[in-house]
Amino acid sequence: AEFKAELERIMKQRQIFASGKLADSINPIVDSDGKK
C-alpha cells in the first residue's frame, strides 16, 4: 500500500499521468502464504 501511494505521489509530482492508465494499473498482491 505504501509503495503504491509513493508511486502515485511521485507520478503526480513529476507529471507522469497522461491518460492515467499507468497509475490506475498499480496493484500490490500478497500471496496466500504471506511470503511474497
PDB file of all heavy atoms in Angstrom:
ATOM      1  N   ALA A   1       0.829  -1.209   0.000  1.00  0.00           N
ATOM      2  CA  ALA A   1       0.000   0.000   0.000  1.00  0.00           C
ATOM      3  C   ALA A   1       0.863   1.259   0.000  1.00  0.00           C
ATOM      4  O   ALA A   1       0.570   2.239  -0.708  1.00  0.00           O
ATOM      5  CB  ALA A   1      -0.920  -0.009   1.215  1.00  0.00           C
ATOM      6  N   GLU A   2       1.956   1.239   0.783  1.00  0.00           N
ATOM      7  CA  GLU A   2       2.846   2.407   0.844  1.00  0.00           C
ATOM      8  C   GLU A   2       3.577   2.603  -0.487  1.00  0.00           C
ATOM      9  O   GLU A   2       3.769   3.739  -0.935  1.00  0.00           O
ATOM     10  CB  GLU A   2       3.858   2.234   1.976  1.00  0.00           C
ATOM     11  CG  GLU A   2       3.237   2.335   3.367  1.00  0.00           C
ATOM     12  CD  GLU A   2       4.262   2.168   4.475  1.00  0.00           C
ATOM     13  OE1 GLU A   2       5.460   1.996   4.148  1.00  0.00           O
ATOM     14  OE2 GLU A   2       3.871   2.202   5.653  1.00  0.00           O
ATOM     15  N   PHE A   3       3.960   1.496  -1.124  1.00  0.00           N
ATOM     16  CA  PHE A   3       4.653   1.585  -2.411  1.00  0.00           C
ATOM     17  C   PHE A   3       3.732   2.170  -3.473  1.00  0.00           C
ATOM     18  O   PHE A   3       4.129   3.042  -4.257  1.00  0.00           O
ATOM     19  CB  PHE A   3       5.143   0.199  -2.821  1.00  0.00           C
ATOM     20  CG  PHE A   3       5.965   0.188  -4.076  1.00  0.00           C
ATOM     21  CD1 PHE A   3       7.022   1.074  -4.249  1.00  0.00           C
ATOM     22  CD2 PHE A   3       5.700  -0.712  -5.089  1.00  0.00           C
ATOM     23  CE1 PHE A   3       7.791   1.067  -5.410  1.00  0.00           C
ATOM     24  CE2 PHE A   3       6.453  -0.734  -6.245  1.00  0.00           C
ATOM     25  CZ  PHE A   3       7.504   0.161  -6.409  1.00  0.00           C
ATOM     26  N   LYS A   4       2.494   1.716  -3.508  1.00  0.00           N
ATOM     27  CA  LYS A   4       1.524   2.248  -4.469  1.00  0.00           C
ATOM     28  C   LYS A   4       1.300   3.738  -4.242  1.00  0.00           C
ATOM     29  O   LYS A   4       1.284   4.524  -5.190  1.00  0.00           O
ATOM     30  CB  LYS A   4       0.200   1.495  -4.347  1.00  0.00           C
ATOM     31  CG  LYS A   4      -0.877   2.028  -5.291  1.00  0.00           C
ATOM     32  CD  LYS A   4      -2.171   1.238  -5.177  1.00  0.00           C
ATOM     33  CE  LYS A   4      -3.215   1.789  -6.143  1.00  0.00           C
ATOM     34  NZ  LYS A   4      -4.483   1.018  -6.086  1.00  0.00           N
ATOM     35  N   ALA A   5       1.151   4.124  -2.974  1.00  0.00           N
ATOM     36  CA  ALA A   5       0.924   5.534  -2.654  1.00  0.00           C
ATOM     37  C   ALA A   5       2.117   6.399  -3.050  1.00  0.00           C
ATOM     38  O   ALA A   5       1.955   7.510  -3.566  1.00  0.00           O
ATOM     39  CB  ALA A   5       0.640   5.694  -1.154  1.00  0.00           C
ATOM     40  N   GLU A   6       3.331   5.878  -2.843  1.00  0.00           N
ATOM     41  CA  GLU A   6       4.534   6.638  -3.188  1.00  0.00           C
ATOM     42  C   GLU A   6       4.692   6.727  -4.710  1.00  0.00           C
ATOM     43  O   GLU A   6       5.090   7.784  -5.230  1.00  0.00           O
ATOM     44  CB  GLU A   6       5.770   5.986  -2.574  1.00  0.00           C
ATOM     45  CG  GLU A   6       7.074   6.738  -2.809  1.00  0.00           C
ATOM     46  CD  GLU A   6       7.106   8.126  -2.184  1.00  0.00           C
ATOM     47  OE1 GLU A   6       6.234   8.439  -1.353  1.00  0.00           O
ATOM     48  OE2 GLU A   6       8.020   8.913  -2.536  1.00  0.00           O
ATOM     49  N   LEU A   7       4.383   5.668  -5.418  1.00  0.00           N
ATOM     50  CA  LEU A   7       4.414   5.709  -6.880  1.00  0.00           C
ATOM     51  C   LEU A   7       3.462   6.783  -7.394  1.00  0.00           C
ATOM     52  O   LEU A   7       3.829   7.597  -8.249  1.00  0.00           O
ATOM     53  CB  LEU A   7       4.013   4.351  -7.464  1.00  0.00           C
ATOM     54  CG  LEU A   7       5.075   3.259  -7.551  1.00  0.00           C
ATOM     55  CD1 LEU A   7       4.441   1.947  -7.996  1.00  0.00           C
ATOM     56  CD2 LEU A   7       6.193   3.652  -8.503  1.00  0.00           C
ATOM     57  N   GLU A   8       2.255   6.789  -6.875  1.00  0.00           N
ATOM     58  CA  GLU A   8       1.251   7.760  -7.315  1.00  0.00           C
ATOM     59  C   GLU A   8       1.685   9.182  -6.973  1.00  0.00           C
ATOM     60  O   GLU A   8       1.477  10.118  -7.757  1.00  0.00           O
ATOM     61  CB  GLU A   8      -0.102   7.439  -6.690  1.00  0.00           C
ATOM     62  CG  GLU A   8      -0.706   6.140  -7.208  1.00  0.00           C
ATOM     63  CD  GLU A   8      -1.971   5.755  -6.482  1.00  0.00           C
ATOM     64  OE1 GLU A   8      -2.174   6.234  -5.340  1.00  0.00           O
ATOM     65  OE2 GLU A   8      -2.762   4.964  -7.034  1.00  0.00           O
ATOM     66  N   ARG A   9       2.298   9.371  -5.797  1.00  0.00           N
ATOM     67  CA  ARG A   9       2.752  10.703  -5.385  1.00  0.00           C
ATOM     68  C   ARG A   9       3.833  11.225  -6.336  1.00  0.00           C
ATOM     69  O   ARG A   9       3.773  12.369  -6.800  1.00  0.00           O
ATOM     70  CB  ARG A   9       3.290  10.658  -3.958  1.00  0.00           C
ATOM     71  CG  ARG A   9       3.664  12.044  -3.398  1.00  0.00           C
ATOM     72  CD  ARG A   9       4.463  11.927  -2.113  1.00  0.00           C
ATOM     73  NE  ARG A   9       5.805  11.409  -2.351  1.00  0.00           N
ATOM     74  CZ  ARG A   9       6.809  12.155  -2.820  1.00  0.00           C
ATOM     75  NH1 ARG A   9       6.636  13.432  -3.123  1.00  0.00           N
ATOM     76  NH2 ARG A   9       8.010  11.613  -2.991  1.00  0.00           N
ATOM     77  N   ILE A  10       4.826  10.367  -6.625  1.00  0.00           N
ATOM     78  CA  ILE A  10       5.922  10.782  -7.499  1.00  0.00           C
ATOM     79  C   ILE A  10       5.421  11.024  -8.921  1.00  0.00           C
ATOM     80  O   ILE A  10       5.840  11.967  -9.593  1.00  0.00           O
ATOM     81  CB  ILE A  10       7.038   9.728  -7.503  1.00  0.00           C
ATOM     82  CG1 ILE A  10       7.703   9.655  -6.117  1.00  0.00           C
ATOM     83  CG2 ILE A  10       8.088  10.049  -8.561  1.00  0.00           C
ATOM     84  CD1 ILE A  10       8.797   8.619  -6.005  1.00  0.00           C
ATOM     85  N   MET A  11       4.519  10.161  -9.391  1.00  0.00           N
ATOM     86  CA  MET A  11       3.979  10.331 -10.734  1.00  0.00           C
ATOM     87  C   MET A  11       3.243  11.661 -10.867  1.00  0.00           C
ATOM     88  O   MET A  11       3.352  12.353 -11.886  1.00  0.00           O
ATOM     89  CB  MET A  11       3.054   9.162 -11.082  1.00  0.00           C
ATOM     90  CG  MET A  11       3.778   7.832 -11.216  1.00  0.00           C
ATOM     91  SD  MET A  11       2.676   6.416 -11.432  1.00  0.00           S
ATOM     92  CE  MET A  11       2.185   6.634 -13.137  1.00  0.00           C
ATOM     93  N   LYS A  12       2.507  12.029  -9.833  1.00  0.00           N
ATOM     94  CA  LYS A  12       1.804  13.303  -9.848  1.00  0.00           C
ATOM     95  C   LYS A  12       2.786  14.464  -9.774  1.00  0.00           C
ATOM     96  O   LYS A  12       2.658  15.469 -10.498  1.00  0.00           O
ATOM     97  CB  LYS A  12       0.823  13.376  -8.675  1.00  0.00           C
ATOM     98  CG  LYS A  12      -0.008  14.655  -8.653  1.00  0.00           C
ATOM     99  CD  LYS A  12      -1.015  14.627  -7.510  1.00  0.00           C
ATOM    100  CE  LYS A  12      -1.851  15.904  -7.503  1.00  0.00           C
ATOM    101  NZ  LYS A  12      -2.845  15.888  -6.404  1.00  0.00           N
ATOM    102  N   GLN A  13       3.788  14.338  -8.913  1.00  0.00           N
ATOM    103  CA  GLN A  13       4.790  15.390  -8.738  1.00  0.00           C
ATOM    104  C   GLN A  13       5.567  15.630 -10.028  1.00  0.00           C
ATOM    105  O   GLN A  13       5.864  16.778 -10.388  1.00  0.00           O
ATOM    106  CB  GLN A  13       5.750  14.998  -7.617  1.00  0.00           C
ATOM    107  CG  GLN A  13       6.855  16.008  -7.340  1.00  0.00           C
ATOM    108  CD  GLN A  13       7.887  15.472  -6.363  1.00  0.00           C
ATOM    109  OE1 GLN A  13       8.571  14.482  -6.621  1.00  0.00           O
ATOM    110  NE2 GLN A  13       7.980  16.109  -5.199  1.00  0.00           N
ATOM    111  N   ARG A  14       5.892  14.558 -10.740  1.00  0.00           N
ATOM    112  CA  ARG A  14       6.691  14.665 -11.961  1.00  0.00           C
ATOM    113  C   ARG A  14       5.817  14.711 -13.216  1.00  0.00           C
ATOM    114  O   ARG A  14       6.307  14.588 -14.325  1.00  0.00           O
ATOM    115  CB  ARG A  14       7.691  13.503 -12.024  1.00  0.00           C
ATOM    116  CG  ARG A  14       8.634  13.520 -10.833  1.00  0.00           C
ATOM    117  CD  ARG A  14       9.635  12.368 -10.832  1.00  0.00           C
ATOM    118  NE  ARG A  14      10.361  12.372  -9.570  1.00  0.00           N
ATOM    119  CZ  ARG A  14      11.286  11.472  -9.220  1.00  0.00           C
ATOM    120  NH1 ARG A  14      11.596  10.488 -10.059  1.00  0.00           N
ATOM    121  NH2 ARG A  14      11.892  11.548  -8.055  1.00  0.00           N
ATOM    122  N   GLN A  15       4.523  14.849 -12.988  1.00  0.00           N
ATOM    123  CA  GLN A  15       3.555  14.984 -14.076  1.00  0.00           C
ATOM    124  C   GLN A  15       3.602  13.814 -15.042  1.00  0.00           C
ATOM    125  O   GLN A  15       3.592  13.965 -16.263  1.00  0.00           O
ATOM    126  CB  GLN A  15       3.775  16.313 -14.815  1.00  0.00           C
ATOM    127  CG  GLN A  15       3.590  17.525 -13.917  1.00  0.00           C
ATOM    128  CD  GLN A  15       3.702  18.846 -14.657  1.00  0.00           C
ATOM    129  OE1 GLN A  15       4.344  18.926 -15.696  1.00  0.00           O
ATOM    130  NE2 GLN A  15       3.075  19.880 -14.140  1.00  0.00           N
ATOM    131  N   ILE A  16       3.632  12.612 -14.472  1.00  0.00           N
ATOM    132  CA  ILE A  16       3.612  11.381 -15.268  1.00  0.00           C
ATOM    133  C   ILE A  16       2.201  10.819 -15.180  1.00  0.00           C
ATOM    134  O   ILE A  16       1.956   9.837 -14.484  1.00  0.00           O
ATOM    135  CB  ILE A  16       4.630  10.349 -14.729  1.00  0.00           C
ATOM    136  CG1 ILE A  16       6.007  10.987 -14.578  1.00  0.00           C
ATOM    137  CG2 ILE A  16       4.714   9.141 -15.655  1.00  0.00           C
ATOM    138  CD1 ILE A  16       6.982  10.119 -13.827  1.00  0.00           C
ATOM    139  N   PHE A  17       1.260  11.466 -15.837  1.00  0.00           N
ATOM    140  CA  PHE A  17      -0.105  10.965 -15.740  1.00  0.00           C
ATOM    141  C   PHE A  17      -0.739  10.690 -17.091  1.00  0.00           C
ATOM    142  O   PHE A  17      -1.459   9.758 -17.254  1.00  0.00           O
ATOM    143  CB  PHE A  17      -0.998  11.919 -14.949  1.00  0.00           C
ATOM    144  CG  PHE A  17      -0.675  13.373 -15.098  1.00  0.00           C
ATOM    145  CD1 PHE A  17      -1.028  14.073 -16.243  1.00  0.00           C
ATOM    146  CD2 PHE A  17      -0.010  14.045 -14.102  1.00  0.00           C
ATOM    147  CE1 PHE A  17      -0.752  15.409 -16.383  1.00  0.00           C
ATOM    148  CE2 PHE A  17       0.280  15.395 -14.235  1.00  0.00           C
ATOM    149  CZ  PHE A  17      -0.088  16.082 -15.374  1.00  0.00           C
ATOM    150  N   ALA A  18      -0.454  11.485 -18.098  1.00  0.00           N
ATOM    151  CA  ALA A  18      -1.013  11.263 -19.445  1.00  0.00           C
ATOM    152  C   ALA A  18      -2.475  10.827 -19.331  1.00  0.00           C
ATOM    153  O   ALA A  18      -3.318  11.584 -18.888  1.00  0.00           O
ATOM    154  CB  ALA A  18      -0.183  10.243 -20.205  1.00  0.00           C
ATOM    155  N   SER A  19      -2.769   9.585 -19.713  1.00  0.00           N
ATOM    156  CA  SER A  19      -4.153   9.106 -19.673  1.00  0.00           C
ATOM    157  C   SER A  19      -4.572   8.673 -18.271  1.00  0.00           C
ATOM    158  O   SER A  19      -5.756   8.512 -17.989  1.00  0.00           O
ATOM    159  CB  SER A  19      -4.322   7.922 -20.628  1.00  0.00           C
ATOM    160  OG  SER A  19      -3.566   6.813 -20.182  1.00  0.00           O
ATOM    161  N   GLY A  20      -3.601   8.463 -17.385  1.00  0.00           N
ATOM    162  CA  GLY A  20      -3.917   7.996 -16.039  1.00  0.00           C
ATOM    163  C   GLY A  20      -3.980   6.484 -15.924  1.00  0.00           C
ATOM    164  O   GLY A  20      -4.122   5.937 -14.829  1.00  0.00           O
ATOM    165  N   LYS A  21      -3.857   5.786 -17.049  1.00  0.00           N
ATOM    166  CA  LYS A  21      -3.989   4.324 -17.041  1.00  0.00           C
ATOM    167  C   LYS A  21      -2.843   3.642 -16.301  1.00  0.00           C
ATOM    168  O   LYS A  21      -3.043   2.606 -15.661  1.00  0.00           O
ATOM    169  CB  LYS A  21      -4.069   3.807 -18.473  1.00  0.00           C
ATOM    170  CG  LYS A  21      -5.331   4.224 -19.203  1.00  0.00           C
ATOM    171  CD  LYS A  21      -5.348   3.698 -20.628  1.00  0.00           C
ATOM    172  CE  LYS A  21      -6.620   4.135 -21.356  1.00  0.00           C
ATOM    173  NZ  LYS A  21      -6.639   3.666 -22.766  1.00  0.00           N
ATOM    174  N   LEU A  22      -1.638   4.216 -16.385  1.00  0.00           N
ATOM    175  CA  LEU A  22      -0.488   3.596 -15.724  1.00  0.00           C
ATOM    176  C   LEU A  22      -0.673   3.620 -14.211  1.00  0.00           C
ATOM    177  O   LEU A  22      -0.457   2.608 -13.539  1.00  0.00           O
ATOM    178  CB  LEU A  22       0.801   4.318 -16.112  1.00  0.00           C
ATOM    179  CG  LEU A  22       2.105   3.734 -15.552  1.00  0.00           C
ATOM    180  CD1 LEU A  22       2.273   2.288 -16.003  1.00  0.00           C
ATOM    181  CD2 LEU A  22       3.301   4.559 -15.997  1.00  0.00           C
ATOM    182  N   ALA A  23      -1.076   4.763 -13.674  1.00  0.00           N
ATOM    183  CA  ALA A  23      -1.298   4.876 -12.228  1.00  0.00           C
ATOM    184  C   ALA A  23      -2.440   3.967 -11.776  1.00  0.00           C
ATOM    185  O   ALA A  23      -2.369   3.324 -10.725  1.00  0.00           O
ATOM    186  CB  ALA A  23      -1.596   6.322 -11.847  1.00  0.00           C
ATOM    187  N   ASP A  24      -3.485   3.888 -12.591  1.00  0.00           N
ATOM    188  CA  ASP A  24      -4.629   3.051 -12.235  1.00  0.00           C
ATOM    189  C   ASP A  24      -4.288   1.566 -12.255  1.00  0.00           C
ATOM    190  O   ASP A  24      -4.992   0.761 -11.637  1.00  0.00           O
ATOM    191  CB  ASP A  24      -5.791   3.312 -13.208  1.00  0.00           C
ATOM    192  CG  ASP A  24      -6.394   4.701 -13.038  1.00  0.00           C
ATOM    193  OD1 ASP A  24      -6.179   5.314 -11.974  1.00  0.00           O
ATOM    194  OD2 ASP A  24      -7.068   5.164 -13.982  1.00  0.00           O
ATOM    195  N   SER A  25      -3.230   1.199 -12.966  1.00  0.00           N
ATOM    196  CA  SER A  25      -2.886  -0.222 -13.112  1.00  0.00           C
ATOM    197  C   SER A  25      -2.073  -0.768 -11.943  1.00  0.00           C
ATOM    198  O   SER A  25      -1.877  -1.979 -11.842  1.00  0.00           O
ATOM    199  CB  SER A  25      -2.094  -0.435 -14.407  1.00  0.00           C
ATOM    200  OG  SER A  25      -0.757   0.044 -14.284  1.00  0.00           O
ATOM    201  N   ILE A  26      -1.588   0.087 -11.046  1.00  0.00           N
ATOM    202  CA  ILE A  26      -0.748  -0.367  -9.930  1.00  0.00           C
ATOM    203  C   ILE A  26      -1.572  -1.227  -8.975  1.00  0.00           C
ATOM    204  O   ILE A  26      -2.569  -0.777  -8.410  1.00  0.00           O
ATOM    205  CB  ILE A  26      -0.162   0.828  -9.156  1.00  0.00           C
ATOM    206  CG1 ILE A  26       0.613   1.752 -10.102  1.00  0.00           C
ATOM    207  CG2 ILE A  26       0.750   0.346  -8.025  1.00  0.00           C
ATOM    208  CD1 ILE A  26       0.997   3.078  -9.461  1.00  0.00           C
ATOM    209  N   ASN A  27      -1.157  -2.460  -8.786  1.00  0.00           N
ATOM    210  CA  ASN A  27      -1.932  -3.380  -7.951  1.00  0.00           C
ATOM    211  C   ASN A  27      -1.023  -4.294  -7.139  1.00  0.00           C
ATOM    212  O   ASN A  27      -0.487  -5.266  -7.660  1.00  0.00           O
ATOM    213  CB  ASN A  27      -2.865  -4.220  -8.831  1.00  0.00           C
ATOM    214  CG  ASN A  27      -3.783  -5.097  -8.012  1.00  0.00           C
ATOM    215  OD1 ASN A  27      -4.114  -4.789  -6.871  1.00  0.00           O
ATOM    216  ND2 ASN A  27      -4.207  -6.201  -8.598  1.00  0.00           N
ATOM    217  N   PRO A  28      -0.819  -3.992  -5.846  1.00  0.00           N
ATOM    218  CA  PRO A  28       0.001  -4.858  -4.982  1.00  0.00           C
ATOM    219  C   PRO A  28      -0.812  -6.090  -4.545  1.00  0.00           C
ATOM    220  O   PRO A  28      -1.966  -5.959  -4.129  1.00  0.00           O
ATOM    221  CB  PRO A  28       0.316  -3.966  -3.770  1.00  0.00           C
ATOM    222  CG  PRO A  28      -0.156  -2.590  -4.157  1.00  0.00           C
ATOM    223  CD  PRO A  28      -1.239  -2.780  -5.154  1.00  0.00           C
ATOM    224  N   ILE A  29      -0.219  -7.271  -4.645  1.00  0.00           N
ATOM    225  CA  ILE A  29      -0.902  -8.512  -4.267  1.00  0.00           C
ATOM    226  C   ILE A  29       0.018  -9.340  -3.376  1.00  0.00           C
ATOM    227  O   ILE A  29       1.166  -9.601  -3.737  1.00  0.00           O
ATOM    228  CB  ILE A  29      -1.271  -9.343  -5.506  1.00  0.00           C
ATOM    229  CG1 ILE A  29      -2.139  -8.529  -6.469  1.00  0.00           C
ATOM    230  CG2 ILE A  29      -1.989 -10.626  -5.101  1.00  0.00           C
ATOM    231  CD1 ILE A  29      -2.351  -9.210  -7.805  1.00  0.00           C
ATOM    232  N   VAL A  30      -0.485  -9.754  -2.213  1.00  0.00           N
ATOM    233  CA  VAL A  30       0.264 -10.628  -1.306  1.00  0.00           C
ATOM    234  C   VAL A  30      -0.253 -12.048  -1.469  1.00  0.00           C
ATOM    235  O   VAL A  30      -1.458 -12.283  -1.436  1.00  0.00           O
ATOM    236  CB  VAL A  30       0.109 -10.179   0.162  1.00  0.00           C
ATOM    237  CG1 VAL A  30       0.843 -11.139   1.094  1.00  0.00           C
ATOM    238  CG2 VAL A  30       0.642  -8.765   0.346  1.00  0.00           C
ATOM    239  N   ASP A  31       0.653 -12.992  -1.686  1.00  0.00           N
ATOM    240  CA  ASP A  31       0.257 -14.396  -1.844  1.00  0.00           C
ATOM    241  C   ASP A  31      -0.433 -14.907  -0.584  1.00  0.00           C
ATOM    242  O   ASP A  31      -0.235 -14.374   0.511  1.00  0.00           O
ATOM    243  CB  ASP A  31       1.479 -15.263  -2.148  1.00  0.00           C
ATOM    244  CG  ASP A  31       1.872 -15.187  -3.610  1.00  0.00           C
ATOM    245  OD1 ASP A  31       1.393 -14.268  -4.301  1.00  0.00           O
ATOM    246  OD2 ASP A  31       2.659 -16.030  -4.053  1.00  0.00           O
ATOM    247  N   SER A  32      -1.211 -15.967  -0.738  1.00  0.00           N
ATOM    248  CA  SER A  32      -1.987 -16.508   0.377  1.00  0.00           C
ATOM    249  C   SER A  32      -1.123 -16.981   1.536  1.00  0.00           C
ATOM    250  O   SER A  32      -1.555 -16.969   2.688  1.00  0.00           O
ATOM    251  CB  SER A  32      -2.858 -17.673  -0.116  1.00  0.00           C
ATOM    252  OG  SER A  32      -2.059 -18.689  -0.698  1.00  0.00           O
ATOM    253  N   ASP A  33       0.133 -17.378   1.240  1.00  0.00           N
ATOM    254  CA  ASP A  33       1.002 -17.834   2.324  1.00  0.00           C
ATOM    255  C   ASP A  33       1.716 -16.673   3.013  1.00  0.00           C
ATOM    256  O   ASP A  33       2.460 -16.873   3.985  1.00  0.00           O
ATOM    257  CB  ASP A  33       2.030 -18.844   1.816  1.00  0.00           C
ATOM    258  CG  ASP A  33       2.952 -18.264   0.744  1.00  0.00           C
ATOM    259  OD1 ASP A  33       2.845 -17.055   0.455  1.00  0.00           O
ATOM    260  OD2 ASP A  33       3.772 -19.022   0.202  1.00  0.00           O
ATOM    261  N   GLY A  34       1.480 -15.457   2.513  1.00  0.00           N
ATOM    262  CA  GLY A  34       2.048 -14.264   3.150  1.00  0.00           C
ATOM    263  C   GLY A  34       3.535 -14.102   2.974  1.00  0.00           C
ATOM    264  O   GLY A  34       4.174 -13.354   3.722  1.00  0.00           O
ATOM    265  N   LYS A  35       4.115 -14.770   1.975  1.00  0.00           N
ATOM    266  CA  LYS A  35       5.572 -14.740   1.828  1.00  0.00           C
ATOM    267  C   LYS A  35       6.052 -13.980   0.586  1.00  0.00           C
ATOM    268  O   LYS A  35       7.246 -13.803   0.407  1.00  0.00           O
ATOM    269  CB  LYS A  35       6.111 -16.170   1.775  1.00  0.00           C
ATOM    270  CG  LYS A  35       5.908 -16.937   3.079  1.00  0.00           C
ATOM    271  CD  LYS A  35       6.486 -18.338   2.977  1.00  0.00           C
ATOM    272  CE  LYS A  35       6.308 -19.096   4.288  1.00  0.00           C
ATOM    273  NZ  LYS A  35       6.856 -20.479   4.202  1.00  0.00           N
ATOM    274  N   LYS A  36       5.121 -13.564  -0.265  1.00  0.00           N
ATOM    275  CA  LYS A  36       5.548 -12.893  -1.497  1.00  0.00           C
ATOM    276  C   LYS A  36       4.622 -11.738  -1.841  1.00  0.00           C
ATOM    277  O   LYS A  36       3.394 -11.881  -1.805  1.00  0.00           O
ATOM    278  CB  LYS A  36       5.610 -13.881  -2.660  1.00  0.00           C
ATOM    279  CG  LYS A  36       6.083 -13.250  -3.966  1.00  0.00           C
ATOM    280  CD  LYS A  36       6.366 -14.289  -5.039  1.00  0.00           C
ATOM    281  CE  LYS A  36       5.112 -14.966  -5.511  1.00  0.00           C
ATOM    282  NZ  LYS A  36       5.372 -15.901  -6.637  1.00  0.00           N
TER     283      LYS A  36
END
